[in-house]
Structure formats: structure tokens, C-alpha cells
C-alpha atoms as a PDB file:
ATOM      1  CA  UNK A   1     -40.122  60.674 -22.359  1.00  0.00           C
ATOM      2  CA  UNK A   2     -41.384  61.724 -18.935  1.00  0.00           C
ATOM      3  CA  UNK A   3     -42.448  59.510 -16.052  1.00  0.00           C
ATOM      4  CA  UNK A   4     -46.184  60.007 -16.665  1.00  0.00           C
ATOM      5  CA  UNK A   5     -45.789  58.380 -20.074  1.00  0.00           C
ATOM      6  CA  UNK A   6     -43.299  55.759 -18.962  1.00  0.00           C
ATOM      7  CA  UNK A   7     -45.164  54.385 -15.909  1.00  0.00           C
ATOM      8  CA  UNK A   8     -48.195  53.012 -17.790  1.00  0.00           C
ATOM      9  CA  UNK A   9     -45.842  51.299 -20.249  1.00  0.00           C
ATOM     10  CA  UNK A  10     -43.818  49.816 -17.382  1.00  0.00           C
ATOM     11  CA  UNK A  11     -47.044  48.687 -15.681  1.00  0.00           C
ATOM     12  CA  UNK A  12     -48.276  46.982 -18.847  1.00  0.00           C
ATOM     13  CA  UNK A  13     -44.955  45.215 -19.448  1.00  0.00           C
ATOM     14  CA  UNK A  14     -44.793  44.034 -15.833  1.00  0.00           C
ATOM     15  CA  UNK A  15     -48.378  42.759 -15.899  1.00  0.00           C
ATOM     16  CA  UNK A  16     -48.018  40.916 -19.208  1.00  0.00           C
ATOM     17  CA  UNK A  17     -44.721  39.400 -18.098  1.00  0.00           C
ATOM     18  CA  UNK A  18     -46.180  38.535 -14.690  1.00  0.00           C
ATOM     19  CA  UNK A  19     -49.206  36.747 -16.100  1.00  0.00           C
ATOM     20  CA  UNK A  20     -46.918  34.886 -18.505  1.00  0.00           C
ATOM     21  CA  UNK A  21     -44.823  33.983 -15.461  1.00  0.00           C
ATOM     22  CA  UNK A  22     -47.773  32.088 -14.024  1.00  0.00           C
ATOM     23  CA  UNK A  23     -47.112  29.382 -16.609  1.00  0.00           C
ATOM     24  CA  UNK A  24     -43.412  29.987 -17.321  1.00  0.00           C
ATOM     25  CA  UNK A  25     -41.628  28.776 -14.197  1.00  0.00           C
ATOM     26  CA  UNK A  26     -38.485  30.869 -14.736  1.00  0.00           C
ATOM     27  CA  UNK A  27     -40.413  34.126 -14.220  1.00  0.00           C
ATOM     28  CA  UNK A  28     -41.558  35.305 -10.773  1.00  0.00           C
ATOM     29  CA  UNK A  29     -45.145  35.841 -11.935  1.00  0.00           C
ATOM     30  CA  UNK A  30     -46.830  36.964  -8.722  1.00  0.00           C
ATOM     31  CA  UNK A  31     -44.053  39.420  -7.863  1.00  0.00           C
ATOM     32  CA  UNK A  32     -44.186  40.951 -11.349  1.00  0.00           C
ATOM     33  CA  UNK A  33     -47.975  41.202 -11.220  1.00  0.00           C
ATOM     34  CA  UNK A  34     -47.817  43.021  -7.893  1.00  0.00           C
ATOM     35  CA  UNK A  35     -45.130  45.354  -9.249  1.00  0.00           C
ATOM     36  CA  UNK A  36     -47.272  45.994 -12.331  1.00  0.00           C
ATOM     37  CA  UNK A  37     -50.283  46.972 -10.235  1.00  0.00           C
ATOM     38  CA  UNK A  38     -48.066  49.213  -8.102  1.00  0.00           C
ATOM     39  CA  UNK A  39     -46.738  50.932 -11.218  1.00  0.00           C
ATOM     40  CA  UNK A  40     -50.281  51.339 -12.576  1.00  0.00           C
ATOM     41  CA  UNK A  41     -51.421  52.943  -9.310  1.00  0.00           C
ATOM     42  CA  UNK A  42     -48.353  55.170  -9.280  1.00  0.00           C
ATOM     43  CA  UNK A  43     -49.017  56.203 -12.889  1.00  0.00           C
ATOM     44  CA  UNK A  44     -52.261  57.763 -11.663  1.00  0.00           C
ATOM     45  CA  UNK A  45     -50.540  59.159  -8.566  1.00  0.00           C
ATOM     46  CA  UNK A  46     -52.486  56.744  -6.347  1.00  0.00           C
ATOM     47  CA  UNK A  47     -55.656  58.768  -7.002  1.00  0.00           C
ATOM     48  CA  UNK A  48     -57.869  55.704  -7.548  1.00  0.00           C
ATOM     49  CA  UNK A  49     -55.916  52.820  -6.054  1.00  0.00           C
ATOM     50  CA  UNK A  50     -54.502  53.749  -2.683  1.00  0.00           C
ATOM     51  CA  UNK A  51     -53.072  52.196   0.448  1.00  0.00           C
ATOM     52  CA  UNK A  52     -55.859  49.755   1.314  1.00  0.00           C
ATOM     53  CA  UNK A  53     -56.159  48.049  -2.101  1.00  0.00           C
ATOM     54  CA  UNK A  54     -52.372  47.994  -2.526  1.00  0.00           C
ATOM     55  CA  UNK A  55     -51.951  46.437   0.916  1.00  0.00           C
ATOM     56  CA  UNK A  56     -54.551  43.821   0.005  1.00  0.00           C
ATOM     57  CA  UNK A  57     -52.707  43.156  -3.264  1.00  0.00           C
ATOM     58  CA  UNK A  58     -49.452  42.753  -1.345  1.00  0.00           C
ATOM     59  CA  UNK A  59     -51.047  40.317   1.107  1.00  0.00           C
ATOM     60  CA  UNK A  60     -52.540  38.307  -1.764  1.00  0.00           C
ATOM     61  CA  UNK A  61     -49.148  38.179  -3.486  1.00  0.00           C
ATOM     62  CA  UNK A  62     -47.496  37.031  -0.274  1.00  0.00           C
ATOM     63  CA  UNK A  63     -50.194  34.395   0.281  1.00  0.00           C
ATOM     64  CA  UNK A  64     -49.752  33.072  -3.266  1.00  0.00           C
ATOM     65  CA  UNK A  65     -45.991  32.900  -2.852  1.00  0.00           C
ATOM     66  CA  UNK A  66     -46.176  31.113   0.509  1.00  0.00           C
ATOM     67  CA  UNK A  67     -48.920  28.728  -0.575  1.00  0.00           C
ATOM     68  CA  UNK A  68     -47.036  27.716  -3.690  1.00  0.00           C
ATOM     69  CA  UNK A  69     -43.857  27.160  -1.690  1.00  0.00           C
ATOM     70  CA  UNK A  70     -45.630  24.992   0.891  1.00  0.00           C
ATOM     71  CA  UNK A  71     -47.927  23.050  -1.441  1.00  0.00           C
ATOM     72  CA  UNK A  72     -45.322  20.581  -2.689  1.00  0.00           C
ATOM     73  CA  UNK A  73     -44.188  19.775   0.823  1.00  0.00           C
ATOM     74  CA  UNK A  74     -47.749  19.314   2.075  1.00  0.00           C
ATOM     75  CA  UNK A  75     -48.580  17.087  -0.897  1.00  0.00           C
ATOM     76  CA  UNK A  76     -45.517  14.954  -0.309  1.00  0.00           C
ATOM     77  CA  UNK A  77     -46.304  14.610   3.389  1.00  0.00           C
ATOM     78  CA  UNK A  78     -49.913  13.652   2.667  1.00  0.00           C
ATOM     79  CA  UNK A  79     -48.675  10.843   0.452  1.00  0.00           C
ATOM     80  CA  UNK A  80     -46.251   9.549   3.056  1.00  0.00           C
ATOM     81  CA  UNK A  81     -42.930  11.184   2.202  1.00  0.00           C
ATOM     82  CA  UNK A  82     -40.370  11.291   4.968  1.00  0.00           C
ATOM     83  CA  UNK A  83     -37.553  13.732   5.562  1.00  0.00           C
ATOM     84  CA  UNK A  84     -35.439  12.158   2.812  1.00  0.00           C
ATOM     85  CA  UNK A  85     -38.278  12.453   0.297  1.00  0.00           C
ATOM     86  CA  UNK A  86     -38.914  16.089   1.210  1.00  0.00           C
ATOM     87  CA  UNK A  87     -35.216  16.887   0.952  1.00  0.00           C
ATOM     88  CA  UNK A  88     -35.034  15.080  -2.367  1.00  0.00           C
ATOM     89  CA  UNK A  89     -38.057  17.005  -3.665  1.00  0.00           C
ATOM     90  CA  UNK A  90     -36.433  20.307  -2.707  1.00  0.00           C
ATOM     91  CA  UNK A  91     -33.168  19.339  -4.392  1.00  0.00           C
ATOM     92  CA  UNK A  92     -35.048  18.049  -7.441  1.00  0.00           C
ATOM     93  CA  UNK A  93     -36.985  21.307  -7.687  1.00  0.00           C
ATOM     94  CA  UNK A  94     -33.782  23.330  -7.571  1.00  0.00           C
ATOM     95  CA  UNK A  95     -31.965  21.176 -10.132  1.00  0.00           C
ATOM     96  CA  UNK A  96     -35.066  20.993 -12.317  1.00  0.00           C
ATOM     97  CA  UNK A  97     -35.099  24.777 -12.707  1.00  0.00           C
ATOM     98  CA  UNK A  98     -32.016  24.493 -14.904  1.00  0.00           C
ATOM     99  CA  UNK A  99     -33.768  22.174 -17.365  1.00  0.00           C
ATOM    100  CA  UNK A 100     -36.727  24.321 -18.314  1.00  0.00           C
ATOM    101  CA  UNK A 101     -40.325  23.166 -18.127  1.00  0.00           C
ATOM    102  CA  UNK A 102     -39.520  19.423 -18.287  1.00  0.00           C
ATOM    103  CA  UNK A 103     -37.146  19.863 -15.353  1.00  0.00           C
ATOM    104  CA  UNK A 104     -39.682  21.888 -13.372  1.00  0.00           C
ATOM    105  CA  UNK A 105     -42.274  19.155 -13.866  1.00  0.00           C
ATOM    106  CA  UNK A 106     -40.040  16.101 -13.403  1.00  0.00           C
ATOM    107  CA  UNK A 107     -37.448  17.439 -10.938  1.00  0.00           C
ATOM    108  CA  UNK A 108     -39.553  17.460  -7.755  1.00  0.00           C
ATOM    109  CA  UNK A 109     -41.042  14.051  -8.557  1.00  0.00           C
ATOM    110  CA  UNK A 110     -37.672  12.451  -9.308  1.00  0.00           C
ATOM    111  CA  UNK A 111     -36.098  14.123  -6.298  1.00  0.00           C
ATOM    112  CA  UNK A 112     -38.759  12.843  -3.912  1.00  0.00           C
ATOM    113  CA  UNK A 113     -38.566   9.333  -5.364  1.00  0.00           C
ATOM    114  CA  UNK A 114     -34.760   9.326  -5.186  1.00  0.00           C
ATOM    115  CA  UNK A 115     -34.803  10.607  -1.606  1.00  0.00           C
ATOM    116  CA  UNK A 116     -37.222   7.930  -0.497  1.00  0.00           C
ATOM    117  CA  UNK A 117     -35.273   5.192  -2.287  1.00  0.00           C
ATOM    118  CA  UNK A 118     -32.047   6.372  -0.648  1.00  0.00           C
ATOM    119  CA  UNK A 119     -33.863   6.153   2.688  1.00  0.00           C
ATOM    120  CA  UNK A 120     -34.419   2.476   1.828  1.00  0.00           C
ATOM    121  CA  UNK A 121     -38.131   2.713   1.224  1.00  0.00           C
ATOM    122  CA  UNK A 122     -39.781   0.570  -1.405  1.00  0.00           C
ATOM    123  CA  UNK A 123     -40.675   1.620  -4.916  1.00  0.00           C
ATOM    124  CA  UNK A 124     -44.341   1.930  -4.010  1.00  0.00           C
ATOM    125  CA  UNK A 125     -43.738   4.327  -1.106  1.00  0.00           C
ATOM    126  CA  UNK A 126     -41.202   6.288  -3.126  1.00  0.00           C
ATOM    127  CA  UNK A 127     -43.610   6.564  -6.047  1.00  0.00           C
ATOM    128  CA  UNK A 128     -46.400   7.813  -3.789  1.00  0.00           C
ATOM    129  CA  UNK A 129     -44.065  10.422  -2.295  1.00  0.00           C
ATOM    130  CA  UNK A 130     -43.179  11.628  -5.792  1.00  0.00           C
ATOM    131  CA  UNK A 131     -46.826  11.692  -6.839  1.00  0.00           C
ATOM    132  CA  UNK A 132     -47.774  13.636  -3.715  1.00  0.00           C
ATOM    133  CA  UNK A 133     -45.054  16.166  -4.386  1.00  0.00           C
ATOM    134  CA  UNK A 134     -46.189  16.634  -7.958  1.00  0.00           C
ATOM    135  CA  UNK A 135     -49.882  16.923  -7.014  1.00  0.00           C
ATOM    136  CA  UNK A 136     -49.021  19.446  -4.313  1.00  0.00           C
ATOM    137  CA  UNK A 137     -47.062  21.543  -6.777  1.00  0.00           C
ATOM    138  CA  UNK A 138     -49.927  21.383  -9.290  1.00  0.00           C
ATOM    139  CA  UNK A 139     -52.399  22.485  -6.602  1.00  0.00           C
ATOM    140  CA  UNK A 140     -50.052  25.306  -5.595  1.00  0.00           C
ATOM    141  CA  UNK A 141     -49.826  26.486  -9.193  1.00  0.00           C
ATOM    142  CA  UNK A 142     -53.615  26.424  -9.543  1.00  0.00           C
ATOM    143  CA  UNK A 143     -54.080  28.472  -6.370  1.00  0.00           C
ATOM    144  CA  UNK A 144     -51.375  30.901  -7.513  1.00  0.00           C
ATOM    145  CA  UNK A 145     -53.210  31.456 -10.803  1.00  0.00           C
ATOM    146  CA  UNK A 146     -56.518  31.955  -8.983  1.00  0.00           C
ATOM    147  CA  UNK A 147     -54.938  34.490  -6.634  1.00  0.00           C
ATOM    148  CA  UNK A 148     -53.347  36.336  -9.572  1.00  0.00           C
ATOM    149  CA  UNK A 149     -56.748  36.807 -11.165  1.00  0.00           C
ATOM    150  CA  UNK A 150     -58.231  37.804  -7.803  1.00  0.00           C
ATOM    151  CA  UNK A 151     -55.515  40.467  -7.629  1.00  0.00           C
ATOM    152  CA  UNK A 152     -56.703  41.811 -10.979  1.00  0.00           C
ATOM    153  CA  UNK A 153     -60.245  41.892  -9.618  1.00  0.00           C
ATOM    154  CA  UNK A 154     -59.171  43.819  -6.519  1.00  0.00           C
ATOM    155  CA  UNK A 155     -57.262  46.340  -8.610  1.00  0.00           C
ATOM    156  CA  UNK A 156     -60.081  46.820 -11.117  1.00  0.00           C
ATOM    157  CA  UNK A 157     -62.671  47.102  -8.356  1.00  0.00           C
ATOM    158  CA  UNK A 158     -60.608  49.772  -6.588  1.00  0.00           C
ATOM    159  CA  UNK A 159     -59.873  51.591  -9.833  1.00  0.00           C
ATOM    160  CA  UNK A 160     -63.339  51.742 -11.343  1.00  0.00           C
ATOM    161  CA  UNK A 161     -65.765  51.640  -8.393  1.00  0.00           C
END
């Protein structure tokens, strides 16, 4: 099998896996989507999708990655989390990754609440910090999904117009 046959298959696998990764936290969805679009452009020897659209795709992927990473912190801060709550949310996110989807959902919340309680804040403040963390993460995931579909639009626009 030569590269001209293999690249479209690789692109398709990367794109399907990447879009699945938008809802499966263990997969780096945005990175795989970008790699899939790169492979698709390469499969056609960059004849239709060149430097400008690929640069835009890369910037969108970077924006999605950064926004998702910052969203939980911003949400926690908006709901009054202090340094201990933010640290707890980060630790909870990391530990939660090892427990699948329930851990990804509950880990940041529990981490922020635990951090705030260890900082001797009340249950109400700790609960708000956890809620803010969770809402921030949900908003980050929504923006990441929107950007992933915008990436598809950019690629298709460049490819067919």
C-alpha cells in the first residue's frame, strides 16, 4: 500500500477519533482533529488546502486547547474560589482522569470543594467554588466542540471553494 492510499485512511481515522475525543475525555480530540485535517491536506499534496487554511486550523486548535484549559480556573474564580480551591480543582482534575468519565466530571468539583474546605472556608463557599469549576469546564467543553466544527468548516471551505 502506497502513501497516496494510506493518507486518506489515516486522515479519516484521525478525524473520527478526534471528534469522538470531544466527548471522550481520555482522547486529545482537538489535536487529533488538527492532525486529521493535516493528513487530508497532505493526501492531496496541499493542492486545495494550503498554508493559510492550515495555519488558521492550527490557531483554532490552539485557541480551543487554551480556552478549555483556562475555563475551569476562570469559572472557579468567578464563583469565589481561592488559591486552595484552584489547586484542589487541578489536583481533582488530574486524579479524576484515572476514573473515566465519572472521575472527569466529579474530580474537579470535589477537588475544588476539598481545597476550599482545607483552607477553612465554609461549606457554602466551598460548594460555590466547586460549582464554578464544573460550570467553567462545561463551558470550555462547549467552546471546544464549537471550535472543532468551525475547523471542519474552514477545511471544507478551503477544499471546495
